[in-house]
Amino acid sequence: MIVKTRAVILGEIKYRDQSKICSVYTREFGRISVIIKGARNPKNKLSGLFNAGNVVDMVLYKKNSRDIQLVSDGNLILSPMVPVPDLDRFAILYRIVDLVRRTTERDEKNLPLFTLITGTLEQLYRSDINFQQLYTWFLLRFVSVLGFQPSLRFCVLSGVELMPAVKALNLTELYFVMNPGGLALPDAAGKMTEKKYLVSVRLATMLRTLASTRHPAGDSIIADPSDIDRLWNLLQEYCALHLGHARPGKNMTIISQILLK
């Protein structure tokens, strides 16, 4: 069957003399493996197209009985090399594609996840973006799309709406509880033994703002760099915990290394 799909290139390995085998995340089929014959030949029209981080439209000869699908054609949609290469951009890019490659199952279509990945990369490849803020937003949306959205409006332990309680009690800090995930009032979280962190109300409000931003716009929130760093670290630990629990046990260490390195 000949099919066309949009895909994000997650990784590539050399195959034989001039070909490549790539891990890709596709709109129609989820994560699959493909082979591009002659892709390392500079004269091949697909040369340079299937590099990690590129977004492409590709044509496949797809057989459900085959583990690796054959690519016959493709067109470039997005590239991290445009407008200019940037080391900070590539650092974030490789975190994103490695996280997707390690934590998604083969042949599981997830259109919201595909939309999140491609939308994030579109923002990442802009020249005026805050890379760290965008990645922090991505972590929160990524773990939420996979089913582990933290509770940020209501206390995850008592169910009380947070912001009215903050005003009524004149609170300056809340807890972020790792499991179950979300914000909690101090009285509710004070005696629990699960891992938790005190966060300022300002930081909690920023986390809620990131969660309510439906489209990736990593430069749309005015924030102190130290606050972004704090949220980055908090969400990396949260993702490592919950995504690790969702996968086979041997993957927990791998996922933690990706997120916390």
C-alpha atoms as a PDB file:
ATOM      1  CA  MET A   1       0.000   0.000   0.000  1.00  0.00           C
ATOM      2  CA  ILE A   2       1.347   3.435  -0.966  1.00  0.00           C
ATOM      3  CA  VAL A   3       0.624   6.077   1.685  1.00  0.00           C
ATOM      4  CA  LYS A   4       1.684   9.655   2.377  1.00  0.00           C
ATOM      5  CA  THR A   5       2.234  10.989   5.870  1.00  0.00           C
ATOM      6  CA  ARG A   6       3.967  13.829   7.672  1.00  0.00           C
ATOM      7  CA  ALA A   7       6.747  12.754  10.025  1.00  0.00           C
ATOM      8  CA  VAL A   8       9.324  14.015  12.506  1.00  0.00           C
ATOM      9  CA  ILE A   9      12.750  12.396  12.184  1.00  0.00           C
ATOM     10  CA  LEU A  10      13.749  11.164  15.651  1.00  0.00           C
ATOM     11  CA  GLY A  11      17.015   9.415  14.833  1.00  0.00           C
ATOM     12  CA  GLU A  12      19.046   7.809  12.070  1.00  0.00           C
ATOM     13  CA  ILE A  13      21.622   5.073  11.576  1.00  0.00           C
ATOM     14  CA  LYS A  14      23.731   4.163   8.573  1.00  0.00           C
ATOM     15  CA  TYR A  15      22.707   1.084   6.642  1.00  0.00           C
ATOM     16  CA  ARG A  16      25.016  -0.632   4.195  1.00  0.00           C
ATOM     17  CA  ASP A  17      26.909   1.609   1.791  1.00  0.00           C
ATOM     18  CA  GLN A  18      24.606   4.558   1.157  1.00  0.00           C
ATOM     19  CA  SER A  19      21.251   3.991   2.870  1.00  0.00           C
ATOM     20  CA  LYS A  20      19.704   5.040   6.193  1.00  0.00           C
ATOM     21  CA  ILE A  21      17.278   3.541   8.663  1.00  0.00           C
ATOM     22  CA  CYS A  22      15.369   6.184  10.603  1.00  0.00           C
ATOM     23  CA  SER A  23      13.060   6.237  13.583  1.00  0.00           C
ATOM     24  CA  VAL A  24      10.218   8.645  12.751  1.00  0.00           C
ATOM     25  CA  TYR A  25       7.068   9.820  14.490  1.00  0.00           C
ATOM     26  CA  THR A  26       4.253  10.036  11.957  1.00  0.00           C
ATOM     27  CA  ARG A  27       0.857  11.664  11.958  1.00  0.00           C
ATOM     28  CA  GLU A  28      -0.993   8.562  10.726  1.00  0.00           C
ATOM     29  CA  PHE A  29       0.917   5.672  12.317  1.00  0.00           C
ATOM     30  CA  GLY A  30       2.763   6.938  15.400  1.00  0.00           C
ATOM     31  CA  ARG A  31       6.404   5.895  15.792  1.00  0.00           C
ATOM     32  CA  ILE A  32       7.712   3.601  13.050  1.00  0.00           C
ATOM     33  CA  SER A  33      11.030   2.691  11.439  1.00  0.00           C
ATOM     34  CA  VAL A  34      11.736   3.445   7.782  1.00  0.00           C
ATOM     35  CA  ILE A  35      14.537   2.772   5.342  1.00  0.00           C
ATOM     36  CA  ILE A  36      15.640   5.336   2.755  1.00  0.00           C
ATOM     37  CA  LYS A  37      17.724   3.678   0.088  1.00  0.00           C
ATOM     38  CA  GLY A  38      20.633   5.772  -1.189  1.00  0.00           C
ATOM     39  CA  ALA A  39      19.914   8.593   1.274  1.00  0.00           C
ATOM     40  CA  ARG A  40      23.635   9.079   1.981  1.00  0.00           C
ATOM     41  CA  ASN A  41      24.449   9.556  -1.682  1.00  0.00           C
ATOM     42  CA  PRO A  42      24.792  13.337  -2.302  1.00  0.00           C
ATOM     43  CA  LYS A  43      23.238  12.880  -5.753  1.00  0.00           C
ATOM     44  CA  ASN A  44      20.087  11.271  -4.331  1.00  0.00           C
ATOM     45  CA  LYS A  45      17.126  13.681  -4.163  1.00  0.00           C
ATOM     46  CA  LEU A  46      16.421  12.499  -0.596  1.00  0.00           C
ATOM     47  CA  SER A  47      19.974  13.228   0.570  1.00  0.00           C
ATOM     48  CA  GLY A  48      19.947  15.450   3.673  1.00  0.00           C
ATOM     49  CA  LEU A  49      16.190  15.170   4.056  1.00  0.00           C
ATOM     50  CA  PHE A  50      16.065  12.487   6.739  1.00  0.00           C
ATOM     51  CA  ASN A  51      18.148  14.108   9.468  1.00  0.00           C
ATOM     52  CA  ALA A  52      17.131  14.213  13.136  1.00  0.00           C
ATOM     53  CA  GLY A  53      14.785  17.101  13.857  1.00  0.00           C
ATOM     54  CA  ASN A  54      13.556  17.559  10.295  1.00  0.00           C
ATOM     55  CA  VAL A  55       9.825  17.495   9.621  1.00  0.00           C
ATOM     56  CA  VAL A  56       9.020  15.937   6.251  1.00  0.00           C
ATOM     57  CA  ASP A  57       6.148  14.788   4.083  1.00  0.00           C
ATOM     58  CA  MET A  58       7.053  11.293   2.916  1.00  0.00           C
ATOM     59  CA  VAL A  59       5.622   8.563   0.702  1.00  0.00           C
ATOM     60  CA  LEU A  60       5.828   4.987   2.001  1.00  0.00           C
ATOM     61  CA  TYR A  61       5.408   1.538   0.607  1.00  0.00           C
ATOM     62  CA  LYS A  62       3.719   0.272   3.767  1.00  0.00           C
ATOM     63  CA  LYS A  63       3.176  -3.362   4.698  1.00  0.00           C
ATOM     64  CA  ASN A  64       1.776  -4.217   8.124  1.00  0.00           C
ATOM     65  CA  SER A  65       3.826  -7.420   8.164  1.00  0.00           C
ATOM     66  CA  ARG A  66       7.087  -5.488   7.785  1.00  0.00           C
ATOM     67  CA  ASP A  67       8.963  -3.935  10.726  1.00  0.00           C
ATOM     68  CA  ILE A  68      10.773  -1.375   8.557  1.00  0.00           C
ATOM     69  CA  GLN A  69       8.823   0.536   5.921  1.00  0.00           C
ATOM     70  CA  LEU A  70      10.320   1.696   2.617  1.00  0.00           C
ATOM     71  CA  VAL A  71      10.363   5.423   1.781  1.00  0.00           C
ATOM     72  CA  SER A  72      10.007   6.261  -1.908  1.00  0.00           C
ATOM     73  CA  ASP A  73       9.768  10.059  -1.811  1.00  0.00           C
ATOM     74  CA  GLY A  74       9.772  13.039   0.503  1.00  0.00           C
ATOM     75  CA  ASN A  75       9.649  16.821   0.863  1.00  0.00           C
ATOM     76  CA  LEU A  76      11.158  18.992   3.599  1.00  0.00           C
ATOM     77  CA  ILE A  77       8.706  20.993   5.748  1.00  0.00           C
ATOM     78  CA  LEU A  78      10.834  22.177   8.701  1.00  0.00           C
ATOM     79  CA  SER A  79      14.547  22.061   9.519  1.00  0.00           C
ATOM     80  CA  PRO A  80      16.638  23.128  12.542  1.00  0.00           C
ATOM     81  CA  MET A  81      19.197  24.512  10.067  1.00  0.00           C
ATOM     82  CA  VAL A  82      16.813  27.362   9.159  1.00  0.00           C
ATOM     83  CA  PRO A  83      17.234  30.280   9.579  1.00  0.00           C
ATOM     84  CA  VAL A  84      20.724  29.524  10.970  1.00  0.00           C
ATOM     85  CA  PRO A  85      22.196  26.663  13.048  1.00  0.00           C
ATOM     86  CA  ASP A  86      22.204  27.345  16.798  1.00  0.00           C
ATOM     87  CA  LEU A  87      23.840  25.172  19.465  1.00  0.00           C
ATOM     88  CA  ASP A  88      21.255  26.049  22.119  1.00  0.00           C
ATOM     89  CA  ARG A  89      18.465  25.138  19.726  1.00  0.00           C
ATOM     90  CA  PHE A  90      20.105  21.796  18.936  1.00  0.00           C
ATOM     91  CA  ALA A  91      20.505  21.036  22.648  1.00  0.00           C
ATOM     92  CA  ILE A  92      16.754  21.418  23.172  1.00  0.00           C
ATOM     93  CA  LEU A  93      15.939  19.641  19.911  1.00  0.00           C
ATOM     94  CA  TYR A  94      17.863  16.503  20.864  1.00  0.00           C
ATOM     95  CA  ARG A  95      16.208  16.430  24.279  1.00  0.00           C
ATOM     96  CA  ILE A  96      12.796  16.525  22.604  1.00  0.00           C
ATOM     97  CA  VAL A  97      13.391  13.904  19.909  1.00  0.00           C
ATOM     98  CA  ASP A  98      15.214  11.550  22.282  1.00  0.00           C
ATOM     99  CA  LEU A  99      12.418  11.813  24.843  1.00  0.00           C
ATOM    100  CA  VAL A 100       9.779  11.050  22.180  1.00  0.00           C
ATOM    101  CA  ARG A 101      11.791   8.148  20.793  1.00  0.00           C
ATOM    102  CA  ARG A 102      12.375   6.574  24.206  1.00  0.00           C
ATOM    103  CA  THR A 103       8.907   6.984  25.720  1.00  0.00           C
ATOM    104  CA  THR A 104       6.471   6.224  22.869  1.00  0.00           C
ATOM    105  CA  GLU A 105       5.357   2.799  21.712  1.00  0.00           C
ATOM    106  CA  ARG A 106       5.705   1.607  18.126  1.00  0.00           C
ATOM    107  CA  ASP A 107       2.684   1.800  15.817  1.00  0.00           C
ATOM    108  CA  GLU A 108       0.492   3.730  18.262  1.00  0.00           C
ATOM    109  CA  LYS A 109      -1.195   6.690  16.557  1.00  0.00           C
ATOM    110  CA  ASN A 110      -1.525   9.745  18.807  1.00  0.00           C
ATOM    111  CA  LEU A 111      -2.589  12.805  16.836  1.00  0.00           C
ATOM    112  CA  PRO A 112      -2.503  15.240  19.812  1.00  0.00           C
ATOM    113  CA  LEU A 113       1.079  14.143  20.508  1.00  0.00           C
ATOM    114  CA  PHE A 114       2.090  14.527  16.861  1.00  0.00           C
ATOM    115  CA  THR A 115       0.521  18.003  16.788  1.00  0.00           C
ATOM    116  CA  LEU A 116       2.380  18.926  19.980  1.00  0.00           C
ATOM    117  CA  ILE A 117       5.746  17.753  18.621  1.00  0.00           C
ATOM    118  CA  THR A 118       5.473  19.474  15.244  1.00  0.00           C
ATOM    119  CA  GLY A 119       4.058  22.653  16.762  1.00  0.00           C
ATOM    120  CA  THR A 120       6.893  22.777  19.286  1.00  0.00           C
ATOM    121  CA  LEU A 121       9.538  22.274  16.601  1.00  0.00           C
ATOM    122  CA  GLU A 122       7.969  25.014  14.490  1.00  0.00           C
ATOM    123  CA  GLN A 123       8.425  27.408  17.401  1.00  0.00           C
ATOM    124  CA  LEU A 124      11.889  26.060  18.224  1.00  0.00           C
ATOM    125  CA  TYR A 125      13.127  26.840  14.729  1.00  0.00           C
ATOM    126  CA  ARG A 126      12.216  30.505  15.002  1.00  0.00           C
ATOM    127  CA  SER A 127      15.047  32.990  15.527  1.00  0.00           C
ATOM    128  CA  ASP A 128      13.451  34.905  18.418  1.00  0.00           C
ATOM    129  CA  ILE A 129      12.411  32.111  20.763  1.00  0.00           C
ATOM    130  CA  ASN A 130      13.220  31.480  24.428  1.00  0.00           C
ATOM    131  CA  PHE A 131      14.426  27.886  24.108  1.00  0.00           C
ATOM    132  CA  GLN A 132      14.352  27.043  27.830  1.00  0.00           C
ATOM    133  CA  GLN A 133      10.843  28.388  28.297  1.00  0.00           C
ATOM    134  CA  LEU A 134       9.593  26.513  25.250  1.00  0.00           C
ATOM    135  CA  TYR A 135      11.072  23.240  26.510  1.00  0.00           C
ATOM    136  CA  THR A 136       9.498  23.764  29.930  1.00  0.00           C
ATOM    137  CA  TRP A 137       6.126  24.264  28.216  1.00  0.00           C
ATOM    138  CA  PHE A 138       6.751  21.153  26.104  1.00  0.00           C
ATOM    139  CA  LEU A 139       7.506  18.966  29.141  1.00  0.00           C
ATOM    140  CA  LEU A 140       4.240  19.964  30.801  1.00  0.00           C
ATOM    141  CA  ARG A 141       2.178  19.385  27.648  1.00  0.00           C
ATOM    142  CA  PHE A 142       4.020  16.164  26.767  1.00  0.00           C
ATOM    143  CA  VAL A 143       3.393  14.449  30.078  1.00  0.00           C
ATOM    144  CA  SER A 144      -0.211  15.686  30.034  1.00  0.00           C
ATOM    145  CA  VAL A 145      -0.898  14.338  26.524  1.00  0.00           C
ATOM    146  CA  LEU A 146       0.427  10.957  27.665  1.00  0.00           C
ATOM    147  CA  GLY A 147      -2.102  10.880  30.501  1.00  0.00           C
ATOM    148  CA  PHE A 148      -0.278  12.318  33.526  1.00  0.00           C
ATOM    149  CA  GLN A 149      -1.536  15.906  33.624  1.00  0.00           C
ATOM    150  CA  PRO A 150      -0.845  17.403  37.067  1.00  0.00           C
ATOM    151  CA  SER A 151      -3.712  18.998  38.978  1.00  0.00           C
ATOM    152  CA  LEU A 152      -3.065  22.749  38.946  1.00  0.00           C
ATOM    153  CA  ARG A 153      -6.483  24.309  39.561  1.00  0.00           C
ATOM    154  CA  PHE A 154      -7.599  22.197  42.501  1.00  0.00           C
ATOM    155  CA  CYS A 155      -5.588  20.857  45.431  1.00  0.00           C
ATOM    156  CA  VAL A 156      -4.565  17.386  44.299  1.00  0.00           C
ATOM    157  CA  LEU A 157      -5.145  16.028  47.817  1.00  0.00           C
ATOM    158  CA  SER A 158      -8.277  17.819  49.105  1.00  0.00           C
ATOM    159  CA  GLY A 159      -9.998  18.947  45.905  1.00  0.00           C
ATOM    160  CA  VAL A 160     -10.277  22.542  47.154  1.00  0.00           C
ATOM    161  CA  GLU A 161      -9.947  25.222  44.463  1.00  0.00           C
ATOM    162  CA  LEU A 162      -6.500  26.699  44.948  1.00  0.00           C
ATOM    163  CA  MET A 163      -6.596  30.396  44.054  1.00  0.00           C
ATOM    164  CA  PRO A 164      -9.590  31.310  46.248  1.00  0.00           C
ATOM    165  CA  ALA A 165      -7.948  29.402  49.113  1.00  0.00           C
ATOM    166  CA  VAL A 166      -4.634  31.207  48.522  1.00  0.00           C
ATOM    167  CA  LYS A 167      -6.395  34.580  48.808  1.00  0.00           C
ATOM    168  CA  ALA A 168      -8.528  33.601  51.785  1.00  0.00           C
ATOM    169  CA  LEU A 169      -5.585  32.194  53.750  1.00  0.00           C
ATOM    170  CA  ASN A 170      -3.088  34.792  52.488  1.00  0.00           C
ATOM    171  CA  LEU A 171      -0.698  32.043  51.401  1.00  0.00           C
ATOM    172  CA  THR A 172       2.681  32.727  49.791  1.00  0.00           C
ATOM    173  CA  GLU A 173       3.624  29.095  49.095  1.00  0.00           C
ATOM    174  CA  LEU A 174       2.058  25.855  47.926  1.00  0.00           C
ATOM    175  CA  TYR A 175       3.383  22.334  47.589  1.00  0.00           C
ATOM    176  CA  PHE A 176       3.973  20.555  44.303  1.00  0.00           C
ATOM    177  CA  VAL A 177       3.350  16.880  45.029  1.00  0.00           C
ATOM    178  CA  MET A 178       5.049  14.399  42.727  1.00  0.00           C
ATOM    179  CA  ASN A 179       2.618  11.515  43.237  1.00  0.00           C
ATOM    180  CA  PRO A 180      -0.259  12.067  42.800  1.00  0.00           C
ATOM    181  CA  GLY A 181       0.859  14.918  40.612  1.00  0.00           C
ATOM    182  CA  GLY A 182      -0.155  18.491  41.219  1.00  0.00           C
ATOM    183  CA  LEU A 183      -0.338  21.478  43.496  1.00  0.00           C
ATOM    184  CA  ALA A 184      -1.512  21.076  47.077  1.00  0.00           C
ATOM    185  CA  LEU A 185      -2.405  23.355  49.967  1.00  0.00           C
ATOM    186  CA  PRO A 186       0.114  23.317  52.848  1.00  0.00           C
ATOM    187  CA  ASP A 187      -2.381  21.909  55.364  1.00  0.00           C
ATOM    188  CA  ALA A 188      -3.262  19.029  53.050  1.00  0.00           C
ATOM    189  CA  ALA A 189       0.320  18.165  52.117  1.00  0.00           C
ATOM    190  CA  GLY A 190       2.097  18.922  55.378  1.00  0.00           C
ATOM    191  CA  LYS A 191       2.003  15.418  56.852  1.00  0.00           C
ATOM    192  CA  MET A 192       2.202  13.314  53.687  1.00  0.00           C
ATOM    193  CA  THR A 193       5.364  11.290  53.112  1.00  0.00           C
ATOM    194  CA  GLU A 194       5.316  11.330  49.296  1.00  0.00           C
ATOM    195  CA  LYS A 195       7.959  13.504  47.641  1.00  0.00           C
ATOM    196  CA  LYS A 196       6.917  17.147  47.466  1.00  0.00           C
ATOM    197  CA  TYR A 197       8.434  20.596  46.962  1.00  0.00           C
ATOM    198  CA  LEU A 198       7.489  23.996  48.294  1.00  0.00           C
ATOM    199  CA  VAL A 199       6.863  26.458  45.464  1.00  0.00           C
ATOM    200  CA  SER A 200       5.960  30.126  45.623  1.00  0.00           C
ATOM    201  CA  VAL A 201       2.469  31.186  44.602  1.00  0.00           C
ATOM    202  CA  ARG A 202       4.156  33.162  41.810  1.00  0.00           C
ATOM    203  CA  LEU A 203       5.746  29.984  40.479  1.00  0.00           C
ATOM    204  CA  ALA A 204       2.498  28.050  40.822  1.00  0.00           C
ATOM    205  CA  THR A 205       0.698  30.779  38.868  1.00  0.00           C
ATOM    206  CA  MET A 206       3.313  30.585  36.122  1.00  0.00           C
ATOM    207  CA  LEU A 207       2.856  26.818  35.957  1.00  0.00           C
ATOM    208  CA  ARG A 208      -0.903  27.315  35.552  1.00  0.00           C
ATOM    209  CA  THR A 209      -0.275  29.871  32.809  1.00  0.00           C
ATOM    210  CA  LEU A 210       1.970  27.442  30.915  1.00  0.00           C
ATOM    211  CA  ALA A 211      -0.677  24.735  31.222  1.00  0.00           C
ATOM    212  CA  SER A 212      -3.390  27.006  29.838  1.00  0.00           C
ATOM    213  CA  THR A 213      -1.275  28.051  26.823  1.00  0.00           C
ATOM    214  CA  ARG A 214      -2.609  25.702  24.149  1.00  0.00           C
ATOM    215  CA  HIS A 215      -0.181  26.618  21.396  1.00  0.00           C
ATOM    216  CA  PRO A 216       3.599  26.448  21.815  1.00  0.00           C
ATOM    217  CA  ALA A 217       4.817  29.998  22.207  1.00  0.00           C
ATOM    218  CA  GLY A 218       7.942  29.869  24.308  1.00  0.00           C
ATOM    219  CA  ASP A 219       8.448  33.636  24.291  1.00  0.00           C
ATOM    220  CA  SER A 220       4.914  34.652  25.261  1.00  0.00           C
ATOM    221  CA  ILE A 221       5.377  34.604  29.050  1.00  0.00           C
ATOM    222  CA  ILE A 222       7.512  37.191  30.791  1.00  0.00           C
ATOM    223  CA  ALA A 223       9.452  35.293  33.456  1.00  0.00           C
ATOM    224  CA  ASP A 224      12.642  35.504  35.432  1.00  0.00           C
ATOM    225  CA  PRO A 225      15.237  32.994  34.126  1.00  0.00           C
ATOM    226  CA  SER A 226      15.606  31.541  37.633  1.00  0.00           C
ATOM    227  CA  ASP A 227      11.867  30.783  37.696  1.00  0.00           C
ATOM    228  CA  ILE A 228      12.093  29.007  34.349  1.00  0.00           C
ATOM    229  CA  ASP A 229      15.040  26.967  35.652  1.00  0.00           C
ATOM    230  CA  ARG A 230      13.045  25.971  38.719  1.00  0.00           C
ATOM    231  CA  LEU A 231      10.043  24.896  36.654  1.00  0.00           C
ATOM    232  CA  TRP A 232      12.324  23.083  34.185  1.00  0.00           C
ATOM    233  CA  ASN A 233      13.859  21.005  36.993  1.00  0.00           C
ATOM    234  CA  LEU A 234      10.497  20.371  38.651  1.00  0.00           C
ATOM    235  CA  LEU A 235       8.867  19.143  35.443  1.00  0.00           C
ATOM    236  CA  GLN A 236      11.854  17.034  34.423  1.00  0.00           C
ATOM    237  CA  GLU A 237      11.639  15.156  37.716  1.00  0.00           C
ATOM    238  CA  TYR A 238       7.861  14.833  37.384  1.00  0.00           C
ATOM    239  CA  CYS A 239       8.166  13.458  33.836  1.00  0.00           C
ATOM    240  CA  ALA A 240      10.930  11.043  34.817  1.00  0.00           C
ATOM    241  CA  LEU A 241       8.743   9.641  37.603  1.00  0.00           C
ATOM    242  CA  HIS A 242       5.478   9.241  35.708  1.00  0.00           C
ATOM    243  CA  LEU A 243       6.780   8.321  32.263  1.00  0.00           C
ATOM    244  CA  GLY A 244       9.099   5.806  33.869  1.00  0.00           C
ATOM    245  CA  HIS A 245       6.183   4.184  35.675  1.00  0.00           C
ATOM    246  CA  ALA A 246       4.254   3.974  32.416  1.00  0.00           C
ATOM    247  CA  ARG A 247       6.957   1.954  30.645  1.00  0.00           C
ATOM    248  CA  PRO A 248       8.716  -1.346  31.366  1.00  0.00           C
ATOM    249  CA  GLY A 249      10.913  -1.146  34.446  1.00  0.00           C
ATOM    250  CA  LYS A 250      14.195  -1.262  32.560  1.00  0.00           C
ATOM    251  CA  ASN A 251      13.277   2.012  30.835  1.00  0.00           C
ATOM    252  CA  MET A 252      12.995   3.990  34.077  1.00  0.00           C
ATOM    253  CA  THR A 253      16.726   4.593  34.335  1.00  0.00           C
ATOM    254  CA  ILE A 254      16.977   5.521  30.649  1.00  0.00           C
ATOM    255  CA  ILE A 255      14.107   8.019  30.872  1.00  0.00           C
ATOM    256  CA  SER A 256      15.519   9.574  34.027  1.00  0.00           C
ATOM    257  CA  GLN A 257      18.908  10.005  32.375  1.00  0.00           C
ATOM    258  CA  ILE A 258      17.334  11.726  29.357  1.00  0.00           C
ATOM    259  CA  LEU A 259      15.350  14.166  31.474  1.00  0.00           C
ATOM    260  CA  LEU A 260      17.767  14.876  34.281  1.00  0.00           C
ATOM    261  CA  LYS A 261      21.098  15.063  32.430  1.00  0.00           C
END
